[in-house]
Amino acid sequence: MKHAFLIAAVLLSTSVAQAENTANADKVCKRWGDLAAKIMQLRQMETPMSRVIEIAAEGEKDSISRQIVTQAYEQPAYSTKTHQARAVDSFRNRIELACFKSDK
């Protein structure tokens, strides 16, 4: 699990390194957080992983979105709305944290 987040951090650092300043980096990290939340919502709905990869690839033509999908599907899908919402929020925060840390 730690290795997957490390890989995501390295991949995300490429995007963040290209940002001209902190404001741009913040926007990049927010964008990845938004994508992570959407992906985890689909995960919680038990949407097939192959379909989620297709959906994510429509907006993001790179391996980062694929990594986020893979990480989401390593997490359990919950049956209650409360646990699903917590899983979405937690996953989004982990992806954003990796992004913000890579901006150092």
N, C-alpha and C. Protein backbone atom coordinates (compact mmCIF):
# COMPACT_ATOMS: atom_id res chain seq x y z
N MET A 1 0.83 -1.19 0.00
CA MET A 1 0.00 0.00 0.00
C MET A 1 0.88 1.24 0.00
N LYS A 2 1.91 1.27 0.86
CA LYS A 2 2.79 2.43 0.91
C LYS A 2 3.48 2.65 -0.42
N HIS A 3 3.81 1.53 -1.09
CA HIS A 3 4.50 1.65 -2.37
C HIS A 3 3.59 2.30 -3.42
N ALA A 4 2.31 1.97 -3.39
CA ALA A 4 1.38 2.55 -4.36
C ALA A 4 1.28 4.06 -4.17
N PHE A 5 1.21 4.50 -2.91
CA PHE A 5 1.13 5.94 -2.66
C PHE A 5 2.45 6.63 -3.00
N LEU A 6 3.56 5.92 -2.82
CA LEU A 6 4.86 6.46 -3.18
C LEU A 6 4.94 6.66 -4.69
N ILE A 7 4.46 5.67 -5.43
CA ILE A 7 4.44 5.77 -6.88
C ILE A 7 3.58 6.96 -7.31
N ALA A 8 2.41 7.08 -6.69
CA ALA A 8 1.52 8.20 -7.03
C ALA A 8 2.20 9.53 -6.72
N ALA A 9 2.90 9.59 -5.60
CA ALA A 9 3.58 10.83 -5.23
C ALA A 9 4.65 11.19 -6.26
N VAL A 10 5.38 10.19 -6.72
CA VAL A 10 6.41 10.44 -7.73
C VAL A 10 5.77 10.91 -9.03
N LEU A 11 4.70 10.23 -9.44
CA LEU A 11 4.02 10.63 -10.67
C LEU A 11 3.40 12.01 -10.54
N LEU A 12 2.80 12.28 -9.39
CA LEU A 12 2.19 13.58 -9.18
C LEU A 12 3.23 14.69 -9.13
N SER A 13 4.42 14.35 -8.65
CA SER A 13 5.46 15.38 -8.54
C SER A 13 5.84 15.93 -9.91
N THR A 14 5.72 15.10 -10.94
CA THR A 14 6.01 15.57 -12.29
C THR A 14 5.05 16.68 -12.68
N SER A 15 3.77 16.47 -12.41
CA SER A 15 2.77 17.51 -12.73
C SER A 15 3.00 18.75 -11.90
N VAL A 16 3.28 18.56 -10.62
CA VAL A 16 3.46 19.70 -9.72
C VAL A 16 4.75 20.45 -10.05
N ALA A 17 5.78 19.72 -10.45
CA ALA A 17 7.06 20.36 -10.78
C ALA A 17 6.90 21.31 -11.95
N GLN A 18 5.95 21.03 -12.82
CA GLN A 18 5.72 21.88 -13.98
C GLN A 18 4.91 23.13 -13.63
N ALA A 19 4.32 23.15 -12.47
CA ALA A 19 3.52 24.31 -12.07
C ALA A 19 4.44 25.50 -11.87
N GLU A 20 3.99 26.67 -12.29
CA GLU A 20 4.84 27.87 -12.22
C GLU A 20 4.96 28.42 -10.81
N ASN A 21 3.96 28.23 -9.99
CA ASN A 21 4.01 28.75 -8.63
C ASN A 21 3.08 27.96 -7.73
N THR A 22 3.05 28.34 -6.47
CA THR A 22 2.25 27.61 -5.49
C THR A 22 0.77 27.61 -5.84
N ALA A 23 0.26 28.71 -6.34
CA ALA A 23 -1.16 28.78 -6.71
C ALA A 23 -1.49 27.75 -7.78
N ASN A 24 -0.62 27.62 -8.77
CA ASN A 24 -0.83 26.62 -9.81
C ASN A 24 -0.72 25.22 -9.24
N ALA A 25 0.24 25.00 -8.35
CA ALA A 25 0.41 23.69 -7.73
C ALA A 25 -0.83 23.34 -6.91
N ASP A 26 -1.39 24.32 -6.21
CA ASP A 26 -2.60 24.09 -5.43
C ASP A 26 -3.75 23.67 -6.34
N LYS A 27 -3.85 24.31 -7.50
CA LYS A 27 -4.91 23.96 -8.45
C LYS A 27 -4.72 22.54 -8.97
N VAL A 28 -3.48 22.17 -9.24
CA VAL A 28 -3.18 20.82 -9.72
C VAL A 28 -3.59 19.80 -8.66
N CYS A 29 -3.21 20.05 -7.42
CA CYS A 29 -3.54 19.11 -6.34
C CYS A 29 -5.04 19.02 -6.11
N LYS A 30 -5.73 20.14 -6.22
CA LYS A 30 -7.19 20.12 -6.08
C LYS A 30 -7.80 19.30 -7.21
N ARG A 31 -7.28 19.47 -8.42
CA ARG A 31 -7.79 18.71 -9.56
C ARG A 31 -7.63 17.21 -9.35
N TRP A 32 -6.46 16.81 -8.83
CA TRP A 32 -6.24 15.39 -8.56
C TRP A 32 -7.15 14.91 -7.44
N GLY A 33 -7.39 15.77 -6.45
CA GLY A 33 -8.32 15.41 -5.37
C GLY A 33 -9.73 15.23 -5.89
N ASP A 34 -10.16 16.12 -6.77
CA ASP A 34 -11.49 16.00 -7.38
C ASP A 34 -11.62 14.68 -8.14
N LEU A 35 -10.60 14.38 -8.93
CA LEU A 35 -10.60 13.13 -9.69
C LEU A 35 -10.63 11.93 -8.75
N ALA A 36 -9.83 11.96 -7.70
CA ALA A 36 -9.78 10.85 -6.74
C ALA A 36 -11.14 10.63 -6.09
N ALA A 37 -11.82 11.71 -5.73
CA ALA A 37 -13.15 11.60 -5.10
C ALA A 37 -14.14 10.96 -6.07
N LYS A 38 -14.13 11.39 -7.33
CA LYS A 38 -15.05 10.82 -8.32
C LYS A 38 -14.77 9.33 -8.54
N ILE A 39 -13.49 9.00 -8.61
CA ILE A 39 -13.11 7.61 -8.81
C ILE A 39 -13.56 6.76 -7.62
N MET A 40 -13.34 7.25 -6.41
CA MET A 40 -13.74 6.48 -5.23
C MET A 40 -15.26 6.36 -5.13
N GLN A 41 -15.99 7.38 -5.56
CA GLN A 41 -17.45 7.27 -5.57
C GLN A 41 -17.88 6.12 -6.49
N LEU A 42 -17.26 6.04 -7.65
CA LEU A 42 -17.56 4.94 -8.57
C LEU A 42 -17.16 3.60 -7.98
N ARG A 43 -16.03 3.59 -7.27
CA ARG A 43 -15.59 2.36 -6.60
C ARG A 43 -16.62 1.91 -5.58
N GLN A 44 -17.16 2.85 -4.81
CA GLN A 44 -18.14 2.52 -3.78
C GLN A 44 -19.46 2.03 -4.40
N MET A 45 -19.71 2.37 -5.65
CA MET A 45 -20.90 1.90 -6.35
C MET A 45 -20.65 0.56 -7.04
N GLU A 46 -19.45 0.00 -6.85
CA GLU A 46 -19.05 -1.28 -7.46
C GLU A 46 -19.03 -1.21 -8.99
N THR A 47 -18.73 -0.04 -9.52
CA THR A 47 -18.57 0.11 -10.96
C THR A 47 -17.35 -0.71 -11.39
N PRO A 48 -17.44 -1.48 -12.47
CA PRO A 48 -16.28 -2.27 -12.90
C PRO A 48 -15.04 -1.39 -13.11
N MET A 49 -13.91 -1.89 -12.65
CA MET A 49 -12.66 -1.14 -12.73
C MET A 49 -12.34 -0.74 -14.17
N SER A 50 -12.56 -1.64 -15.11
CA SER A 50 -12.26 -1.33 -16.51
C SER A 50 -13.08 -0.14 -17.00
N ARG A 51 -14.30 -0.03 -16.55
CA ARG A 51 -15.14 1.11 -16.94
C ARG A 51 -14.63 2.40 -16.31
N VAL A 52 -14.20 2.33 -15.05
CA VAL A 52 -13.69 3.52 -14.37
C VAL A 52 -12.40 4.00 -15.04
N ILE A 53 -11.56 3.07 -15.47
CA ILE A 53 -10.33 3.45 -16.18
C ILE A 53 -10.69 4.17 -17.48
N GLU A 54 -11.71 3.67 -18.20
CA GLU A 54 -12.16 4.35 -19.42
C GLU A 54 -12.65 5.76 -19.12
N ILE A 55 -13.46 5.90 -18.08
CA ILE A 55 -14.01 7.21 -17.71
C ILE A 55 -12.89 8.17 -17.32
N ALA A 56 -11.96 7.70 -16.50
CA ALA A 56 -10.85 8.55 -16.04
C ALA A 56 -9.96 8.95 -17.21
N ALA A 57 -9.78 8.06 -18.16
CA ALA A 57 -8.91 8.35 -19.30
C ALA A 57 -9.50 9.40 -20.23
N GLU A 58 -10.83 9.57 -20.21
CA GLU A 58 -11.46 10.57 -21.06
C GLU A 58 -11.00 11.98 -20.71
N GLY A 59 -10.82 12.23 -19.43
CA GLY A 59 -10.41 13.57 -19.01
C GLY A 59 -8.91 13.70 -18.79
N GLU A 60 -8.27 12.63 -18.48
CA GLU A 60 -6.84 12.66 -18.13
C GLU A 60 -6.11 11.58 -18.93
N LYS A 61 -5.38 11.99 -19.93
CA LYS A 61 -4.67 11.04 -20.80
C LYS A 61 -3.28 10.74 -20.25
N ASP A 62 -3.21 10.18 -19.06
CA ASP A 62 -1.91 9.85 -18.51
C ASP A 62 -2.01 8.71 -17.51
N SER A 63 -0.88 8.27 -17.04
CA SER A 63 -0.85 7.13 -16.13
C SER A 63 -1.24 7.49 -14.70
N ILE A 64 -1.28 8.77 -14.37
CA ILE A 64 -1.64 9.15 -13.00
C ILE A 64 -3.08 8.77 -12.71
N SER A 65 -3.98 9.05 -13.63
CA SER A 65 -5.38 8.70 -13.40
C SER A 65 -5.54 7.18 -13.27
N ARG A 66 -4.78 6.43 -14.03
CA ARG A 66 -4.82 4.96 -13.94
C ARG A 66 -4.31 4.50 -12.57
N GLN A 67 -3.25 5.15 -12.07
CA GLN A 67 -2.73 4.83 -10.74
C GLN A 67 -3.77 5.12 -9.66
N ILE A 68 -4.48 6.23 -9.79
CA ILE A 68 -5.50 6.58 -8.81
C ILE A 68 -6.62 5.54 -8.83
N VAL A 69 -7.03 5.11 -10.02
CA VAL A 69 -8.06 4.07 -10.12
C VAL A 69 -7.58 2.79 -9.44
N THR A 70 -6.36 2.39 -9.73
CA THR A 70 -5.81 1.18 -9.13
C THR A 70 -5.79 1.28 -7.61
N GLN A 71 -5.36 2.41 -7.09
CA GLN A 71 -5.33 2.59 -5.64
C GLN A 71 -6.74 2.55 -5.05
N ALA A 72 -7.70 3.13 -5.73
CA ALA A 72 -9.08 3.12 -5.24
C ALA A 72 -9.61 1.69 -5.14
N TYR A 73 -9.28 0.88 -6.12
CA TYR A 73 -9.79 -0.50 -6.14
C TYR A 73 -9.02 -1.42 -5.20
N GLU A 74 -7.96 -0.93 -4.60
CA GLU A 74 -7.28 -1.67 -3.53
C GLU A 74 -7.99 -1.46 -2.19
N GLN A 75 -8.93 -0.51 -2.17
CA GLN A 75 -9.71 -0.20 -0.97
C GLN A 75 -11.05 -0.94 -1.04
N PRO A 76 -11.62 -1.25 0.13
CA PRO A 76 -12.92 -1.94 0.12
C PRO A 76 -14.06 -1.03 -0.31
N ALA A 77 -15.11 -1.65 -0.84
CA ALA A 77 -16.36 -0.95 -1.12
C ALA A 77 -17.28 -1.20 0.07
N TYR A 78 -17.90 -0.16 0.57
CA TYR A 78 -18.74 -0.26 1.76
C TYR A 78 -20.21 -0.25 1.38
N SER A 79 -21.04 -0.79 2.27
CA SER A 79 -22.47 -0.90 1.99
C SER A 79 -23.29 0.26 2.55
N THR A 80 -22.77 0.96 3.54
CA THR A 80 -23.55 2.07 4.11
C THR A 80 -23.07 3.41 3.54
N LYS A 81 -23.99 4.33 3.41
CA LYS A 81 -23.66 5.66 2.87
C LYS A 81 -22.62 6.37 3.72
N THR A 82 -22.71 6.20 5.04
CA THR A 82 -21.75 6.86 5.95
C THR A 82 -20.34 6.37 5.69
N HIS A 83 -20.17 5.05 5.60
CA HIS A 83 -18.84 4.50 5.35
C HIS A 83 -18.34 4.83 3.94
N GLN A 84 -19.26 4.86 2.99
CA GLN A 84 -18.88 5.22 1.63
C GLN A 84 -18.37 6.65 1.57
N ALA A 85 -19.09 7.56 2.22
CA ALA A 85 -18.68 8.97 2.24
C ALA A 85 -17.33 9.13 2.92
N ARG A 86 -17.13 8.40 4.00
CA ARG A 86 -15.85 8.46 4.71
C ARG A 86 -14.72 7.94 3.82
N ALA A 87 -14.98 6.87 3.09
CA ALA A 87 -13.97 6.31 2.19
C ALA A 87 -13.61 7.30 1.09
N VAL A 88 -14.61 7.99 0.54
CA VAL A 88 -14.37 8.99 -0.51
C VAL A 88 -13.52 10.13 0.04
N ASP A 89 -13.91 10.67 1.18
CA ASP A 89 -13.17 11.79 1.78
C ASP A 89 -11.74 11.40 2.13
N SER A 90 -11.58 10.23 2.72
CA SER A 90 -10.26 9.77 3.13
C SER A 90 -9.35 9.56 1.92
N PHE A 91 -9.89 8.95 0.87
CA PHE A 91 -9.10 8.70 -0.33
C PHE A 91 -8.69 10.00 -1.00
N ARG A 92 -9.63 10.92 -1.11
CA ARG A 92 -9.32 12.23 -1.69
C ARG A 92 -8.19 12.90 -0.91
N ASN A 93 -8.28 12.88 0.41
CA ASN A 93 -7.26 13.51 1.24
C ASN A 93 -5.89 12.86 1.06
N ARG A 94 -5.86 11.53 0.93
CA ARG A 94 -4.57 10.85 0.73
C ARG A 94 -3.93 11.25 -0.60
N ILE A 95 -4.73 11.33 -1.65
CA ILE A 95 -4.19 11.72 -2.96
C ILE A 95 -3.72 13.17 -2.92
N GLU A 96 -4.51 14.05 -2.33
CA GLU A 96 -4.10 15.45 -2.23
C GLU A 96 -2.85 15.59 -1.36
N LEU A 97 -2.77 14.85 -0.28
CA LEU A 97 -1.59 14.92 0.59
C LEU A 97 -0.34 14.52 -0.18
N ALA A 98 -0.42 13.44 -0.94
CA ALA A 98 0.73 13.01 -1.74
C ALA A 98 1.13 14.10 -2.73
N CYS A 99 0.15 14.75 -3.32
CA CYS A 99 0.41 15.83 -4.28
C CYS A 99 1.06 17.02 -3.59
N PHE A 100 0.47 17.48 -2.50
CA PHE A 100 1.03 18.65 -1.80
C PHE A 100 2.43 18.37 -1.26
N LYS A 101 2.67 17.15 -0.78
CA LYS A 101 4.00 16.81 -0.28
C LYS A 101 5.03 16.82 -1.41
N SER A 102 4.62 16.44 -2.59
CA SER A 102 5.56 16.39 -3.72
C SER A 102 5.92 17.77 -4.23
N ASP A 103 5.21 18.79 -3.76
CA ASP A 103 5.44 20.16 -4.20
C ASP A 103 6.54 20.86 -3.40
N LYS A 104 7.23 20.14 -2.55
CA LYS A 104 8.28 20.76 -1.71
C LYS A 104 9.52 21.06 -2.51
